[in-house]
Amino acid sequence: MIFFKRKKYILILSLFFFLFVFDKAEAATLYIKPSQTEVSVGNIVNVQISVDTSGKFINNVESIISFPKDLLEVVSLDNKSSIFSLWVENPSFSNSIGQATFNGGVPNPGFQGGNGNIISIIFKTKKVGTASIIFSNSAVRENDGLGTDILSSQRGSTINIVSSTKIEPIVQPQTNEPIGVSIITSKTHPDQAKWYSDNTPEFSWDLPKGAVGVRTLIGTASNGVPRVEYAPPISKKKVDALPDGIYYFSLQIKTANGWSDIYRYRVNIDTTPPRPFSITFPHGEKSFDPEPIILFDTIDNESGISHYDIKVGNGGPERTAPLAVSNPYSLPAQYPGTHTVIVKAIDRAGNSTNASADFTIEAIESPIITYYQDEIESGDSIKIRGTTYPDSDITIVFKQDEKVISEEHTQSNSSGDFAFFLGKRIDTGVYTFTARVTDGRGAKSNETLPLTIAVKSALLNSLTSTVLNYLSAAILIVLALGGIILSGTYVWRRYLSIISSMKKESREAEDTVKKSFDILRKDLREHIAKLKRAESKRKLTKEEIEFLEQFEEELEDAENVIDKEIGDITR
């Protein structure tokens, strides 16, 4: 009884263990469709990479897909209808090593299904052979919070590449003579591997001798059979506007020998530009860094991004790879100021979408000019000294009448000092110069304010010096003469002033003397008159008569002398 109980417990535990292990077993499958196909040399074949999750929810698949590079080359990768919306590693390929890679994911709750399209790979066949497309380094991760790899199997694809396309025609009767070869060409879409934005392709072909009819077909199937018949035969066909996608134009030609093999021509049409996008600056729109970092990215649903054209201001476009350097991208060194960067995303068909953004580069400090000669003779060296950042490049620009005549460079030492000597001959004239510094990072300053240098002829300077020497002596003589003249003028005016004053005072003295003398003379004459009246009454004495005669004579002499002296003074 105990034995049976133990067997029962063992059976239950074994069943539980079996169910537990089975539940956790790897179950997903990676596979390629079609698993096998036949294609002629130079034609296109589209294979689809898919996953079967066997009922489990997954959130990530990664793989490397290898192909023989001598037999196949990848034309493009297409993930527009992928189950994944997140890409750890964007789908990419290398024809030089014969590999394509991807690493995609999907958010919660993940993907569950048996036909999960991951990417499509479009190959072009190169030569006859059997090409095996296989998986390696693959993983399918379950959405269990642990990222458990549940990949259980991988099924590749085999492509048999033959020398020419041989698909059974609708009617292929016995023929005794070979049918002439017909080659389809297209002036609107000349390269079957390229994408075009023209959605009205035109095809043409040469009709063999004896052709009585043709059949054509345009469609997305690479093995389509022509069904639209034209009799008499046509030699060209223009197709109305087609939606975006990959199409195959199929052609058969009928002669007396029957219908020919089917000839096909592929066209790739994409009229839709890449999705709109924006440009961001992870370190800010203002920076002292002369090479700011920008971020940008977009996708194109049909042909894929070919490249980006990046343009700053009026500079020419700079082409960059589609995915490798778009995030982040370092702009080339810019001068201080506000700039506009324009990024144009261009798909493989030439459609484009633009994005633009403004950014500002802050200027570092300008150099300080400590010495220069504002006037030199022609033939002399221009000497400039200054100070700025250590071990930096200084650009000195010489201008004449706003026209740049020379741009020179020098380096500052470890202390920031710099010296510049311009040894080449500069014609006489007036020049200005400015200086700008660029540090080790490439950051630039604004230009200094213009400083002026006058370059004069040596002969002219000599003549000018001689003339100035003589002119200086002449000026001194003129100044001396001028001083003498001014002094003489002053003395003369002073003399005249004194004479005028003396004349005035003389006239005043003359008037005073005359008045005084008149009074004296009046008084004396009255005394003389009295003496004469006394003479009538008595006889004057001899002494009185002599006194009277002598006094009158002397009074007259005194009056004459006074008049003469006053007259001399006034002259």
Protein backbone atom coordinates (compact mmCIF):
# COMPACT_ATOMS: atom_id res chain seq x y z
CA MET A 1 0.00 0.00 0.00
CA ILE A 2 2.85 2.35 0.91
CA PHE A 3 4.58 1.42 -2.34
CA PHE A 4 1.55 2.45 -4.41
CA LYS A 5 1.25 5.70 -2.50
CA ARG A 6 4.90 6.47 -3.22
CA LYS A 7 4.39 5.68 -6.91
CA LYS A 8 1.40 8.00 -6.93
CA TYR A 9 3.41 10.87 -5.44
CA ILE A 10 6.28 10.25 -7.84
CA LEU A 11 3.89 10.25 -10.80
CA ILE A 12 2.29 13.54 -9.68
CA LEU A 13 5.67 15.17 -9.15
CA SER A 14 6.92 13.93 -12.51
CA LEU A 15 3.82 15.24 -14.27
CA PHE A 16 4.19 18.61 -12.52
CA PHE A 17 7.85 18.81 -13.48
CA PHE A 18 7.05 17.86 -17.08
CA LEU A 19 4.35 20.51 -17.35
CA PHE A 20 6.59 23.13 -15.74
CA VAL A 21 9.50 22.39 -18.04
CA PHE A 22 7.29 22.23 -21.10
CA ASP A 23 5.77 25.57 -20.24
CA LYS A 24 9.22 27.15 -20.05
CA ALA A 25 10.69 25.41 -23.10
CA GLU A 26 11.91 27.40 -26.10
CA ALA A 27 9.15 27.65 -28.70
CA ALA A 28 9.68 30.61 -31.14
CA THR A 29 10.83 30.22 -34.76
CA LEU A 30 12.58 32.66 -37.07
CA TYR A 31 12.01 32.02 -40.77
CA ILE A 32 12.44 33.56 -44.21
CA LYS A 33 9.77 33.65 -46.92
CA PRO A 34 9.92 32.32 -49.54
CA SER A 35 11.96 29.38 -48.32
CA GLN A 36 13.02 28.62 -51.89
CA THR A 37 12.72 30.48 -55.19
CA GLU A 38 14.31 30.81 -58.61
CA VAL A 39 15.39 34.15 -60.10
CA SER A 40 17.37 35.09 -63.19
CA VAL A 41 20.64 37.04 -63.08
CA GLY A 42 20.16 40.81 -62.67
CA ASN A 43 16.63 40.54 -61.34
CA ILE A 44 15.19 41.50 -57.98
CA VAL A 45 13.95 39.17 -55.26
CA ASN A 46 12.14 40.23 -52.10
CA VAL A 47 12.47 38.04 -48.99
CA GLN A 48 10.58 38.56 -45.74
CA ILE A 49 12.03 37.92 -42.27
CA SER A 50 9.26 36.72 -39.93
CA VAL A 51 8.75 35.21 -36.48
CA ASP A 52 6.33 32.61 -35.11
CA THR A 53 5.95 33.02 -31.34
CA SER A 54 4.02 29.73 -30.81
CA GLY A 55 1.44 31.47 -28.67
CA LYS A 56 3.87 33.38 -26.45
CA PHE A 57 4.19 37.13 -26.13
CA ILE A 58 7.56 38.50 -27.17
CA ASN A 59 9.06 42.00 -26.92
CA ASN A 60 12.40 41.71 -28.77
CA VAL A 61 14.08 39.92 -31.68
CA GLU A 62 17.65 40.35 -32.90
CA SER A 63 19.60 38.55 -35.58
CA ILE A 64 22.38 38.65 -38.15
CA ILE A 65 21.35 37.49 -41.63
CA SER A 66 24.18 36.25 -43.83
CA PHE A 67 24.13 35.92 -47.63
CA PRO A 68 26.75 35.13 -50.29
CA LYS A 69 28.11 38.52 -51.34
CA ASP A 70 29.30 37.18 -54.70
CA LEU A 71 25.78 36.07 -55.67
CA LEU A 72 23.51 38.64 -54.00
CA GLU A 73 23.55 42.30 -53.05
CA VAL A 74 21.05 44.14 -50.87
CA VAL A 75 19.20 46.93 -52.65
CA SER A 76 17.21 48.12 -49.65
CA LEU A 77 15.67 47.14 -46.33
CA ASP A 78 12.00 47.77 -45.55
CA ASN A 79 10.54 47.86 -42.05
CA LYS A 80 7.43 49.95 -42.71
CA SER A 81 5.07 47.01 -42.02
CA SER A 82 7.14 45.60 -39.16
CA ILE A 83 5.58 44.37 -35.92
CA PHE A 84 8.26 46.39 -34.13
CA SER A 85 7.99 50.11 -33.43
CA LEU A 86 11.15 50.38 -31.33
CA TRP A 87 14.61 49.71 -32.71
CA VAL A 88 17.57 49.05 -30.45
CA GLU A 89 19.59 48.77 -33.67
CA ASN A 90 18.07 50.06 -36.88
CA PRO A 91 18.05 47.54 -39.74
CA SER A 92 21.28 47.90 -41.71
CA PHE A 93 23.32 45.96 -44.23
CA SER A 94 26.81 45.62 -45.63
CA ASN A 95 27.26 44.19 -49.11
CA SER A 96 31.02 44.10 -48.59
CA ILE A 97 30.74 41.41 -45.89
CA GLY A 98 27.39 39.92 -46.93
CA GLN A 99 25.35 40.66 -43.81
CA ALA A 100 22.17 42.40 -42.69
CA THR A 101 21.37 43.07 -39.03
CA PHE A 102 18.46 44.23 -36.92
CA ASN A 103 17.43 44.49 -33.27
CA GLY A 104 13.81 45.50 -32.77
CA GLY A 105 11.32 45.64 -29.95
CA VAL A 106 7.69 46.27 -29.13
CA PRO A 107 6.20 47.71 -25.90
CA ASN A 108 3.76 45.90 -23.60
CA PRO A 109 1.95 43.62 -23.95
CA GLY A 110 4.32 42.54 -26.73
CA PHE A 111 3.56 40.57 -29.90
CA GLN A 112 1.92 37.18 -30.24
CA GLY A 113 1.35 35.46 -33.57
CA GLY A 114 2.55 33.03 -36.18
CA ASN A 115 3.32 35.45 -39.03
CA GLY A 116 5.04 38.44 -37.48
CA ASN A 117 6.78 40.40 -40.23
CA ILE A 118 10.03 41.93 -38.98
CA ILE A 119 11.75 43.31 -42.09
CA SER A 120 11.83 42.74 -45.83
CA ILE A 121 15.15 42.50 -47.67
CA ILE A 122 15.29 43.31 -51.36
CA PHE A 123 18.15 41.53 -53.12
CA LYS A 124 19.52 41.87 -56.63
CA THR A 125 21.05 38.75 -58.14
CA LYS A 126 24.61 39.07 -59.48
CA LYS A 127 25.50 35.80 -61.16
CA VAL A 128 24.38 32.19 -61.65
CA GLY A 129 24.51 30.04 -58.53
CA THR A 130 22.65 28.87 -55.44
CA ALA A 131 22.45 31.47 -52.69
CA SER A 132 21.67 30.40 -49.13
CA ILE A 133 20.35 33.04 -46.74
CA ILE A 134 20.83 32.00 -43.10
CA PHE A 135 20.40 33.32 -39.55
CA SER A 136 23.15 33.66 -36.93
CA ASN A 137 23.50 35.16 -33.43
CA SER A 138 19.72 35.32 -33.13
CA ALA A 139 17.46 35.70 -30.11
CA VAL A 140 13.70 35.92 -29.56
CA ARG A 141 12.95 37.29 -26.09
CA GLU A 142 9.75 36.61 -24.21
CA ASN A 143 7.87 39.47 -22.57
CA ASP A 144 8.17 37.86 -19.12
CA GLY A 145 10.12 40.58 -17.34
CA LEU A 146 13.31 38.53 -17.64
CA GLY A 147 13.92 38.67 -21.38
CA THR A 148 14.01 34.88 -21.68
CA ASP A 149 15.30 33.70 -25.06
CA ILE A 150 12.66 31.31 -26.41
CA LEU A 151 14.12 30.81 -29.91
CA SER A 152 13.83 27.14 -30.84
CA SER A 153 14.46 27.02 -34.60
CA GLN A 154 15.60 29.06 -37.60
CA ARG A 155 14.65 28.45 -41.20
CA GLY A 156 16.58 30.24 -43.93
CA SER A 157 15.96 30.56 -47.65
CA THR A 158 17.57 29.25 -50.84
CA ILE A 159 17.60 31.29 -54.04
CA ASN A 160 18.45 29.49 -57.27
CA ILE A 161 19.92 32.04 -59.67
CA VAL A 162 19.67 31.10 -63.33
CA SER A 163 20.97 32.70 -66.50
CA SER A 164 17.60 33.98 -67.71
CA THR A 165 14.04 34.19 -66.45
CA LYS A 166 12.08 31.16 -67.58
CA ILE A 167 8.51 31.18 -66.35
CA GLU A 168 6.02 29.04 -68.18
CA PRO A 169 3.90 31.15 -70.54
CA ILE A 170 0.17 30.74 -70.83
CA VAL A 171 0.59 29.09 -74.22
CA GLN A 172 3.97 27.78 -75.33
CA PRO A 173 3.60 25.77 -78.56
CA GLN A 174 6.37 23.78 -80.19
CA THR A 175 8.67 25.99 -82.24
CA ASN A 176 11.39 25.17 -84.74
CA GLU A 177 13.05 28.63 -84.80
CA PRO A 178 14.28 30.62 -81.82
CA ILE A 179 12.34 33.72 -80.86
CA GLY A 180 14.30 37.01 -81.03
CA VAL A 181 15.41 38.42 -77.68
CA SER A 182 13.32 41.37 -76.43
CA ILE A 183 14.81 43.75 -73.88
CA ILE A 184 12.60 46.10 -71.86
CA THR A 185 13.99 49.56 -71.13
CA SER A 186 12.60 52.65 -69.42
CA LYS A 187 13.61 56.25 -70.03
CA THR A 188 11.69 57.37 -66.96
CA HIS A 189 13.02 54.63 -64.66
CA PRO A 190 16.33 53.50 -66.21
CA ASP A 191 17.76 51.68 -63.15
CA GLN A 192 15.76 48.78 -61.73
CA ALA A 193 17.60 49.00 -58.40
CA LYS A 194 16.82 52.69 -57.79
CA TRP A 195 13.77 54.44 -56.41
CA TYR A 196 11.96 57.17 -58.33
CA SER A 197 9.38 59.82 -57.41
CA ASP A 198 7.82 59.61 -60.88
CA ASN A 199 4.76 57.37 -60.57
CA THR A 200 3.96 57.23 -64.30
CA PRO A 201 6.64 54.89 -65.66
CA GLU A 202 7.07 54.36 -69.39
CA PHE A 203 8.49 51.17 -70.89
CA SER A 204 9.75 50.42 -74.38
CA TRP A 205 11.15 47.41 -76.20
CA ASP A 206 12.30 46.33 -79.63
CA LEU A 207 9.89 44.16 -81.59
CA PRO A 208 11.47 41.22 -83.39
CA LYS A 209 10.83 40.71 -87.06
CA GLY A 210 7.49 39.03 -87.61
CA ALA A 211 5.93 40.06 -84.29
CA VAL A 212 2.12 39.89 -84.45
CA GLY A 213 1.13 40.70 -80.86
CA VAL A 214 2.23 41.45 -77.31
CA ARG A 215 0.87 40.83 -73.84
CA THR A 216 1.66 43.10 -70.86
CA LEU A 217 0.97 43.32 -67.13
CA ILE A 218 1.96 45.74 -64.36
CA GLY A 219 1.63 44.59 -60.76
CA THR A 220 3.32 43.96 -57.44
CA ALA A 221 3.88 40.24 -58.02
CA SER A 222 7.36 39.36 -59.21
CA ASN A 223 6.00 36.32 -61.08
CA GLY A 224 2.96 37.90 -62.71
CA VAL A 225 1.82 36.53 -66.08
CA PRO A 226 0.87 39.06 -68.83
CA ARG A 227 -2.81 38.98 -69.76
CA VAL A 228 -3.55 42.27 -71.59
CA GLU A 229 -3.05 41.55 -75.29
CA TYR A 230 -2.28 44.05 -78.06
CA ALA A 231 -2.63 43.18 -81.74
CA PRO A 232 -1.07 44.69 -83.75
CA PRO A 233 1.83 44.75 -81.30
CA ILE A 234 2.94 47.90 -79.49
CA SER A 235 6.56 48.77 -78.70
CA LYS A 236 6.04 51.04 -75.70
CA LYS A 237 3.65 51.45 -72.82
CA LYS A 238 3.08 54.29 -70.36
CA VAL A 239 1.39 53.40 -67.10
CA ASP A 240 -1.02 55.69 -65.29
CA ALA A 241 -0.22 57.01 -61.81
CA LEU A 242 0.75 54.17 -59.50
CA PRO A 243 0.64 54.14 -55.70
CA ASP A 244 3.94 53.96 -53.87
CA GLY A 245 5.54 50.54 -53.95
CA ILE A 246 7.55 48.02 -55.98
CA TYR A 247 6.08 46.97 -59.33
CA TYR A 248 6.97 44.54 -62.09
CA PHE A 249 6.18 45.16 -65.73
CA SER A 250 5.80 41.84 -67.56
CA LEU A 251 5.95 41.39 -71.34
CA GLN A 252 5.45 38.58 -73.86
CA ILE A 253 5.83 38.87 -77.63
CA LYS A 254 4.02 36.70 -80.14
CA THR A 255 5.47 35.68 -83.51
CA ALA A 256 4.69 32.93 -85.96
CA ASN A 257 6.56 30.62 -83.59
CA GLY A 258 4.23 31.42 -80.68
CA TRP A 259 4.58 33.37 -77.44
CA SER A 260 8.01 34.22 -76.11
CA ASP A 261 9.29 33.78 -72.61
CA ILE A 262 8.13 36.38 -70.10
CA TYR A 263 10.42 39.39 -69.71
CA ARG A 264 10.12 41.55 -66.63
CA TYR A 265 11.24 45.00 -65.57
CA ARG A 266 11.10 46.27 -61.99
CA VAL A 267 10.22 49.84 -60.98
CA ASN A 268 10.43 51.28 -57.46
CA ILE A 269 8.10 54.22 -56.83
CA ASP A 270 8.10 56.54 -53.82
CA THR A 271 6.29 59.89 -54.06
CA THR A 272 5.99 60.51 -50.31
CA PRO A 273 8.63 62.62 -48.53
CA PRO A 274 10.16 61.52 -45.22
CA ARG A 275 8.19 62.21 -42.07
CA PRO A 276 8.43 65.70 -40.50
CA PHE A 277 11.08 66.01 -37.78
CA SER A 278 12.72 68.58 -35.55
CA ILE A 279 16.25 69.60 -34.56
CA THR A 280 17.23 69.76 -30.89
CA PHE A 281 20.34 70.99 -29.07
CA PRO A 282 21.20 68.70 -26.12
CA HIS A 283 23.59 71.31 -24.66
CA GLY A 284 21.31 74.28 -25.24
CA GLU A 285 20.76 76.71 -28.09
CA LYS A 286 23.39 79.13 -26.68
CA SER A 287 26.93 77.92 -26.13
CA PHE A 288 30.60 78.90 -26.18
CA ASP A 289 31.30 75.62 -27.99
CA PRO A 290 32.01 76.51 -31.65
CA GLU A 291 30.96 73.02 -32.77
CA PRO A 292 27.50 72.57 -31.21
CA ILE A 293 25.87 69.15 -31.06
CA ILE A 294 22.48 68.69 -32.73
CA LEU A 295 20.04 65.79 -32.72
CA PHE A 296 17.72 64.91 -35.58
CA ASP A 297 16.20 61.79 -37.06
CA THR A 298 13.27 60.70 -39.19
CA ILE A 299 12.06 57.75 -41.22
CA ASP A 300 10.77 57.21 -44.72
CA ASN A 301 8.09 54.57 -45.04
CA GLU A 302 8.78 53.48 -48.60
CA SER A 303 12.28 53.82 -50.03
CA GLY A 304 14.09 54.74 -46.81
CA ILE A 305 16.37 57.67 -45.98
CA SER A 306 19.21 58.13 -48.44
CA HIS A 307 21.07 60.92 -46.64
CA TYR A 308 20.77 64.25 -44.88
CA ASP A 309 21.97 67.58 -46.24
CA ILE A 310 23.06 69.88 -43.43
CA LYS A 311 23.49 73.58 -44.09
CA VAL A 312 24.43 76.38 -41.69
CA GLY A 313 23.61 79.90 -42.83
CA ASN A 314 24.75 80.61 -46.39
CA GLY A 315 27.32 77.80 -46.42
CA GLY A 316 27.08 74.93 -48.86
CA PRO A 317 25.31 71.71 -47.86
CA GLU A 318 27.32 69.07 -46.05
CA ARG A 319 26.20 65.53 -46.82
CA THR A 320 26.16 62.92 -44.08
CA ALA A 321 25.16 59.27 -43.77
CA PRO A 322 21.50 58.41 -43.11
CA LEU A 323 21.72 56.74 -39.73
CA ALA A 324 25.27 56.48 -38.47
CA VAL A 325 25.86 60.12 -37.51
CA SER A 326 22.42 61.67 -37.24
CA ASN A 327 22.30 61.26 -33.47
CA PRO A 328 24.30 63.12 -32.34
CA TYR A 329 25.83 65.27 -35.08
CA SER A 330 28.57 67.83 -34.47
CA LEU A 331 28.32 70.95 -36.62
CA PRO A 332 31.52 72.38 -38.13
CA ALA A 333 33.15 75.25 -36.24
CA GLN A 334 31.10 78.46 -36.42
CA TYR A 335 31.90 82.14 -35.90
CA PRO A 336 30.28 83.96 -32.96
CA GLY A 337 26.72 85.09 -33.57
CA THR A 338 23.28 83.65 -34.27
CA HIS A 339 23.04 81.06 -37.02
CA THR A 340 20.34 78.94 -38.65
CA VAL A 341 20.93 75.26 -39.29
CA ILE A 342 18.82 73.57 -41.96
CA VAL A 343 18.64 69.78 -42.17
CA LYS A 344 17.10 68.24 -45.27
CA ALA A 345 16.14 64.57 -45.07
CA ILE A 346 16.23 63.03 -48.56
CA ASP A 347 14.87 59.60 -49.34
CA ARG A 348 16.16 57.24 -52.01
CA ALA A 349 13.64 58.60 -54.51
CA GLY A 350 14.77 62.21 -54.03
CA ASN A 351 11.78 63.34 -51.94
CA SER A 352 12.79 65.61 -49.10
CA THR A 353 11.61 67.13 -45.83
CA ASN A 354 13.28 70.14 -44.18
CA ALA A 355 13.75 71.12 -40.55
CA SER A 356 15.48 74.25 -39.25
CA ALA A 357 16.53 75.74 -35.92
CA ASP A 358 18.44 78.80 -34.69
CA PHE A 359 21.42 78.66 -32.36
CA THR A 360 23.87 81.19 -30.94
CA ILE A 361 27.63 80.89 -30.51
CA GLU A 362 28.94 83.15 -27.74
CA ALA A 363 32.20 84.99 -28.49
CA ILE A 364 35.29 84.60 -26.32
CA GLU A 365 37.30 87.71 -25.33
CA SER A 366 38.97 89.61 -28.19
CA PRO A 367 42.76 90.08 -28.25
CA ILE A 368 44.24 93.23 -26.69
CA ILE A 369 46.68 95.16 -28.91
CA THR A 370 49.46 96.55 -26.71
CA TYR A 371 51.74 98.04 -29.38
CA TYR A 372 51.65 99.06 -33.02
CA GLN A 373 53.07 101.89 -35.15
CA ASP A 374 50.43 104.24 -36.46
CA GLU A 375 52.86 105.63 -39.07
CA ILE A 376 55.71 103.90 -40.93
CA GLU A 377 57.75 104.40 -44.08
CA SER A 378 57.17 102.19 -47.09
CA GLY A 379 59.52 99.23 -46.90
CA ASP A 380 59.45 99.12 -43.10
CA SER A 381 57.96 96.09 -41.32
CA ILE A 382 54.63 96.42 -39.59
CA LYS A 383 55.08 95.42 -35.95
CA ILE A 384 52.12 94.46 -33.78
CA ARG A 385 52.17 93.07 -30.25
CA GLY A 386 49.34 92.02 -27.98
CA THR A 387 47.99 89.56 -25.44
CA THR A 388 45.21 86.95 -25.51
CA TYR A 389 44.56 83.31 -24.57
CA PRO A 390 47.61 81.00 -24.29
CA ASP A 391 48.61 78.83 -27.25
CA SER A 392 45.95 80.26 -29.53
CA ASP A 393 45.79 81.32 -33.17
CA ILE A 394 45.49 85.03 -33.92
CA THR A 395 44.15 86.15 -37.28
CA ILE A 396 45.10 89.69 -38.34
CA VAL A 397 43.25 91.18 -41.31
CA PHE A 398 44.57 94.24 -43.15
CA LYS A 399 42.16 96.38 -45.16
CA GLN A 400 42.35 99.43 -47.38
CA ASP A 401 39.10 101.21 -48.22
CA GLU A 402 37.16 98.26 -46.72
CA LYS A 403 38.90 95.85 -49.11
CA VAL A 404 40.87 92.98 -47.58
CA ILE A 405 44.45 93.12 -48.85
CA SER A 406 46.06 90.56 -46.55
CA GLU A 407 45.09 87.99 -43.91
CA GLU A 408 47.90 86.88 -41.62
CA HIS A 409 48.23 84.42 -38.74
CA THR A 410 50.42 84.16 -35.67
CA GLN A 411 50.44 82.14 -32.44
CA SER A 412 50.38 83.24 -28.82
CA ASN A 413 52.83 81.70 -26.39
CA SER A 414 52.04 79.85 -23.17
CA SER A 415 51.57 83.20 -21.42
CA GLY A 416 49.17 84.51 -24.05
CA ASP A 417 51.57 87.08 -25.53
CA PHE A 418 51.99 87.37 -29.27
CA ALA A 419 54.04 89.40 -31.73
CA PHE A 420 53.55 89.83 -35.45
CA PHE A 421 55.88 91.24 -38.10
CA LEU A 422 54.66 91.86 -41.63
CA GLY A 423 57.81 91.85 -43.75
CA LYS A 424 56.30 92.13 -47.21
CA ARG A 425 56.18 95.53 -48.86
CA ILE A 426 52.96 97.49 -48.65
CA ASP A 427 52.24 100.44 -50.91
CA THR A 428 51.87 103.88 -49.46
CA GLY A 429 48.43 104.64 -48.16
CA VAL A 430 46.22 104.44 -45.10
CA TYR A 431 45.35 100.97 -43.80
CA THR A 432 43.32 99.48 -40.98
CA PHE A 433 43.77 96.17 -39.22
CA THR A 434 41.70 94.00 -36.88
CA ALA A 435 42.59 90.94 -34.83
CA ARG A 436 40.58 87.85 -33.89
CA VAL A 437 41.62 84.90 -31.69
CA THR A 438 40.73 81.22 -32.08
CA ASP A 439 41.46 79.04 -29.04
CA GLY A 440 42.40 75.38 -28.94
CA ARG A 441 38.73 74.29 -29.08
CA GLY A 442 38.09 76.34 -32.18
CA ALA A 443 36.10 78.98 -30.27
CA LYS A 444 36.49 82.43 -31.82
CA SER A 445 36.32 85.99 -30.57
CA ASN A 446 34.81 89.00 -32.26
CA GLU A 447 37.19 91.22 -34.22
CA THR A 448 38.89 94.06 -32.40
CA LEU A 449 38.01 97.63 -33.31
CA PRO A 450 39.91 98.75 -36.45
CA LEU A 451 43.26 100.45 -35.84
CA THR A 452 44.90 102.72 -38.45
CA ILE A 453 48.41 102.57 -39.90
CA ALA A 454 49.65 105.23 -42.35
CA VAL A 455 52.36 104.04 -44.75
CA LYS A 456 54.31 106.97 -46.25
CA SER A 457 56.97 107.19 -48.96
CA ALA A 458 60.55 107.46 -47.62
CA LEU A 459 61.45 110.19 -50.22
CA LEU A 460 58.32 112.09 -49.38
CA ASN A 461 59.14 111.82 -45.71
CA SER A 462 62.69 113.18 -46.38
CA LEU A 463 61.37 116.07 -48.43
CA THR A 464 58.75 116.72 -45.84
CA SER A 465 61.40 116.73 -43.10
CA THR A 466 63.64 119.16 -45.06
CA VAL A 467 60.72 121.42 -45.83
CA LEU A 468 59.64 121.29 -42.23
CA ASN A 469 63.19 122.20 -41.07
CA TYR A 470 63.36 125.24 -43.36
CA LEU A 471 59.79 126.05 -42.63
CA SER A 472 60.54 125.90 -38.93
CA ALA A 473 63.39 128.43 -39.31
CA ALA A 474 61.20 130.65 -41.43
CA ILE A 475 58.47 130.38 -38.89
CA LEU A 476 60.89 131.36 -36.13
CA ILE A 477 62.05 134.38 -38.15
CA VAL A 478 58.49 135.35 -38.90
CA LEU A 479 57.62 134.92 -35.26
CA ALA A 480 60.63 137.07 -34.24
CA LEU A 481 59.73 139.75 -36.76
CA GLY A 482 56.20 139.53 -35.63
CA GLY A 483 57.36 139.98 -32.05
CA ILE A 484 59.46 142.98 -33.01
CA ILE A 485 56.62 144.48 -34.99
CA LEU A 486 54.21 143.88 -32.17
CA SER A 487 56.66 145.33 -29.66
CA GLY A 488 57.37 148.36 -31.90
CA THR A 489 53.70 148.84 -32.44
CA TYR A 490 53.15 148.72 -28.74
CA VAL A 491 55.99 151.17 -28.04
CA TRP A 492 54.82 153.51 -30.81
CA ARG A 493 51.27 153.39 -29.56
CA ARG A 494 52.58 153.97 -26.07
CA TYR A 495 54.68 156.90 -27.32
CA LEU A 496 51.73 158.36 -29.15
CA SER A 497 49.67 157.93 -26.04
CA ILE A 498 52.32 159.69 -23.97
CA ILE A 499 52.68 162.48 -26.55
CA SER A 500 48.93 162.85 -26.68
CA SER A 501 48.85 163.00 -22.93
CA MET A 502 51.72 165.51 -22.89
CA LYS A 503 50.00 167.66 -25.50
CA LYS A 504 46.89 167.59 -23.47
CA GLU A 505 48.77 168.48 -20.32
CA SER A 506 50.76 171.15 -22.27
CA ARG A 507 47.57 172.71 -23.49
CA GLU A 508 46.22 172.65 -19.98
CA ALA A 509 49.53 174.15 -18.69
CA GLU A 510 49.51 176.72 -21.49
CA ASP A 511 46.00 177.71 -20.64
CA THR A 512 46.89 177.93 -16.97
CA VAL A 513 50.09 179.92 -17.62
CA LYS A 514 48.28 182.20 -20.04
CA LYS A 515 45.54 182.80 -17.57
CA SER A 516 48.04 183.37 -14.78
CA PHE A 517 50.24 185.57 -16.99
CA ASP A 518 47.19 187.48 -18.20
CA ILE A 519 46.23 188.14 -14.59
CA LEU A 520 49.82 189.13 -13.76
CA ARG A 521 50.10 191.25 -16.86
CA LYS A 522 46.78 192.89 -16.07
CA ASP A 523 47.92 193.67 -12.57
CA LEU A 524 51.29 194.98 -13.78
CA ARG A 525 49.70 197.09 -16.45
CA GLU A 526 47.36 198.54 -13.85
CA HIS A 527 50.46 199.47 -11.80
CA ILE A 528 52.13 200.91 -14.88
CA ALA A 529 48.95 202.84 -15.65
CA LYS A 530 48.95 204.18 -12.13
CA LEU A 531 52.55 205.33 -12.54
CA LYS A 532 51.67 207.02 -15.80
CA ARG A 533 48.68 208.73 -14.20
CA ALA A 534 50.97 209.81 -11.39
CA GLU A 535 53.31 211.27 -14.01
CA SER A 536 50.53 213.60 -15.09
CA LYS A 537 50.30 214.93 -11.59
CA ARG A 538 53.93 214.89 -10.76
CA LYS A 539 57.10 214.22 -12.46
CA LEU A 540 58.32 210.75 -12.10
CA THR A 541 61.69 210.24 -10.77
CA LYS A 542 64.41 209.02 -12.94
CA GLU A 543 64.46 205.71 -11.16
CA GLU A 544 60.70 205.31 -11.64
CA ILE A 545 60.96 206.09 -15.36
CA GLU A 546 63.79 203.61 -15.84
CA PHE A 547 61.90 200.95 -13.85
CA LEU A 548 58.76 201.45 -15.90
CA GLU A 549 60.52 201.21 -19.26
CA GLN A 550 62.63 198.25 -18.21
CA PHE A 551 59.64 196.44 -16.65
CA GLU A 552 57.48 196.75 -19.80
CA GLU A 553 60.35 195.51 -21.96
CA GLU A 554 61.06 192.55 -19.68
CA LEU A 555 57.33 191.69 -19.42
CA GLU A 556 57.09 191.55 -23.21
CA ASP A 557 60.23 189.36 -23.43
CA ALA A 558 58.86 187.01 -20.76
CA GLU A 559 55.56 186.65 -22.65
CA ASN A 560 57.39 185.79 -25.89
CA VAL A 561 59.58 183.17 -24.15
CA ILE A 562 56.57 181.49 -22.51
CA ASP A 563 54.66 181.33 -25.81
CA LYS A 564 57.71 179.84 -27.58
CA GLU A 565 58.32 177.11 -24.94
CA ILE A 566 54.69 176.05 -24.81
CA GLY A 567 54.63 175.88 -28.61
CA ASP A 568 57.73 173.59 -28.61
CA ILE A 569 56.09 171.22 -26.14
CA THR A 570 52.91 170.84 -28.17
CA ARG A 571 54.88 169.93 -31.28
